[in-house]
C-alpha atoms as a PDB file:
ATOM      1  CA  MET A   1     -82.324-250.403 -97.214  1.00  0.00           C
ATOM      2  CA  GLU A   2     -80.899-252.724-100.279  1.00  0.00           C
ATOM      3  CA  ILE A   3     -82.218-256.712 -99.889  1.00  0.00           C
ATOM      4  CA  GLU A   4     -78.877-257.335 -99.808  1.00  0.00           C
ATOM      5  CA  VAL A   5     -78.748-256.797 -96.553  1.00  0.00           C
ATOM      6  CA  LEU A   6     -80.704-259.695 -95.015  1.00  0.00           C
ATOM      7  CA  THR A   7     -78.072-261.941 -96.080  1.00  0.00           C
ATOM      8  CA  SER A   8     -76.495-261.410 -92.745  1.00  0.00           C
ATOM      9  CA  ALA A   9     -78.776-259.266 -90.785  1.00  0.00           C
ATOM     10  CA  LYS A  10     -80.774-261.546 -87.829  1.00  0.00           C
ATOM     11  CA  LYS A  11     -83.877-261.194 -89.216  1.00  0.00           C
ATOM     12  CA  THR A  12     -87.634-263.289 -89.465  1.00  0.00           C
ATOM     13  CA  ILE A  13     -88.696-265.475 -92.620  1.00  0.00           C
ATOM     14  CA  GLY A  14     -92.739-264.874 -93.254  1.00  0.00           C
ATOM     15  CA  ALA A  15     -95.854-264.214 -92.820  1.00  0.00           C
ATOM     16  CA  LYS A  16     -96.591-265.735 -89.348  1.00  0.00           C
ATOM     17  CA  GLN A  17     -93.285-264.701 -87.739  1.00  0.00           C
ATOM     18  CA  THR A  18     -92.954-261.651 -88.696  1.00  0.00           C
ATOM     19  CA  SER A  19     -95.703-260.139 -87.687  1.00  0.00           C
ATOM     20  CA  LYS A  20     -95.547-261.762 -83.902  1.00  0.00           C
ATOM     21  CA  ALA A  21     -92.105-259.612 -84.254  1.00  0.00           C
ATOM     22  CA  ILE A  22     -94.010-256.709 -85.690  1.00  0.00           C
ATOM     23  CA  MET A  23     -95.905-256.433 -83.100  1.00  0.00           C
ATOM     24  CA  ARG A  24     -94.002-256.928 -80.225  1.00  0.00           C
ATOM     25  CA  GLY A  25     -91.926-254.034 -81.518  1.00  0.00           C
ATOM     26  CA  GLU A  26     -88.356-255.941 -82.599  1.00  0.00           C
ATOM     27  CA  VAL A  27     -88.486-254.840 -86.457  1.00  0.00           C
ATOM     28  CA  GLN A  28     -86.881-252.293 -87.683  1.00  0.00           C
ATOM     29  CA  MET A  29     -88.099-252.948 -91.633  1.00  0.00           C
ATOM     30  CA  VAL A  30     -90.395-254.891 -93.579  1.00  0.00           C
ATOM     31  CA  PHE A  31     -89.347-256.550 -96.256  1.00  0.00           C
ATOM     32  CA  VAL A  32     -93.316-257.944 -98.322  1.00  0.00           C
ATOM     33  CA  ALA A  33     -93.468-259.818-100.977  1.00  0.00           C
ATOM     34  CA  ASN A  34     -94.823-258.160-104.929  1.00  0.00           C
ATOM     35  CA  ASN A  35     -96.429-261.038-105.454  1.00  0.00           C
ATOM     36  CA  SER A  36     -97.211-262.576-102.646  1.00  0.00           C
ATOM     37  CA  ASP A  37    -101.513-262.930-102.023  1.00  0.00           C
ATOM     38  CA  ASP A  38    -102.940-260.116-100.944  1.00  0.00           C
ATOM     39  CA  ARG A  39    -104.938-262.144 -97.465  1.00  0.00           C
ATOM     40  CA  VAL A  40    -101.715-263.079 -96.275  1.00  0.00           C
ATOM     41  CA  VAL A  41     -99.430-259.241 -96.796  1.00  0.00           C
ATOM     42  CA  LEU A  42    -102.203-256.484 -96.086  1.00  0.00           C
ATOM     43  CA  PRO A  43    -102.486-258.206 -92.159  1.00  0.00           C
ATOM     44  CA  ILE A  44     -98.408-256.886 -92.555  1.00  0.00           C
ATOM     45  CA  LEU A  45     -99.085-254.119 -93.942  1.00  0.00           C
ATOM     46  CA  GLU A  46    -102.079-252.655 -91.623  1.00  0.00           C
ATOM     47  CA  LEU A  47     -99.584-253.586 -88.658  1.00  0.00           C
ATOM     48  CA  CYS A  48     -96.264-251.509 -90.619  1.00  0.00           C
ATOM     49  CA  GLU A  49     -98.243-248.717 -90.580  1.00  0.00           C
ATOM     50  CA  LYS A  50     -99.703-248.819 -86.724  1.00  0.00           C
ATOM     51  CA  GLN A  51     -96.270-249.423 -85.705  1.00  0.00           C
ATOM     52  CA  ALA A  52     -94.407-246.718 -88.087  1.00  0.00           C
ATOM     53  CA  VAL A  53     -92.379-249.623 -90.122  1.00  0.00           C
ATOM     54  CA  PRO A  54     -90.901-248.369 -93.228  1.00  0.00           C
ATOM     55  CA  VAL A  55     -92.364-251.764 -95.774  1.00  0.00           C
ATOM     56  CA  ASN A  56     -89.968-252.379 -98.977  1.00  0.00           C
ATOM     57  CA  GLN A  57     -92.496-254.099-102.266  1.00  0.00           C
ATOM     58  CA  GLU A  58     -89.400-253.650-104.697  1.00  0.00           C
ATOM     59  CA  TYR A  59     -89.325-257.810-104.527  1.00  0.00           C
ATOM     60  CA  SER A  60     -90.307-260.591-105.864  1.00  0.00           C
ATOM     61  CA  MET A  61     -91.249-263.865-103.675  1.00  0.00           C
ATOM     62  CA  GLU A  62     -87.953-266.116-104.981  1.00  0.00           C
ATOM     63  CA  GLU A  63     -85.668-262.776-104.413  1.00  0.00           C
ATOM     64  CA  LEU A  64     -86.948-262.262-100.591  1.00  0.00           C
ATOM     65  CA  GLY A  65     -86.005-265.975-100.238  1.00  0.00           C
ATOM     66  CA  LYS A  66     -83.095-266.418-102.262  1.00  0.00           C
ATOM     67  CA  ALA A  67     -81.740-263.160 -99.756  1.00  0.00           C
ATOM     68  CA  GLY A  68     -83.388-264.661 -96.765  1.00  0.00           C
ATOM     69  CA  LYS A  69     -80.680-268.209 -97.514  1.00  0.00           C
ATOM     70  CA  ILE A  70     -83.773-270.385 -96.867  1.00  0.00           C
ATOM     71  CA  LYS A  71     -84.579-272.911-100.439  1.00  0.00           C
ATOM     72  CA  VAL A  72     -88.399-271.528-101.250  1.00  0.00           C
ATOM     73  CA  LYS A  73     -90.518-268.128-101.733  1.00  0.00           C
ATOM     74  CA  ALA A  74     -91.083-265.465 -98.770  1.00  0.00           C
ATOM     75  CA  ALA A  75     -93.560-262.683 -98.672  1.00  0.00           C
ATOM     76  CA  ALA A  76     -92.672-261.426 -96.208  1.00  0.00           C
ATOM     77  CA  ILE A  77     -89.274-260.710 -93.710  1.00  0.00           C
ATOM     78  CA  GLY A  78     -88.545-258.823 -91.370  1.00  0.00           C
ATOM     79  CA  VAL A  79     -84.726-257.175 -90.177  1.00  0.00           C
ATOM     80  CA  LEU A  80     -85.027-257.244 -86.535  1.00  0.00           C
ATOM     81  CA  ARG A  81     -83.626-254.324 -84.974  1.00  0.00           C
END
């Protein structure tokens, strides 16, 4: 799944919202920024592994923020089912 999907897909933005959605089983894929702080994204990566959710880590926080149509950076964005 490519980053362009984020402009139109239903999504969660941010580490906390994305983590909660993963735990509820609502996420089909997660984009995690490659330049985000490990203490923020490691719990998300662990949840994704437990729930068998694919993860894409090839984009920066700036790129994820722009793709999610927000004015700030984003450490994680989840694409909802």
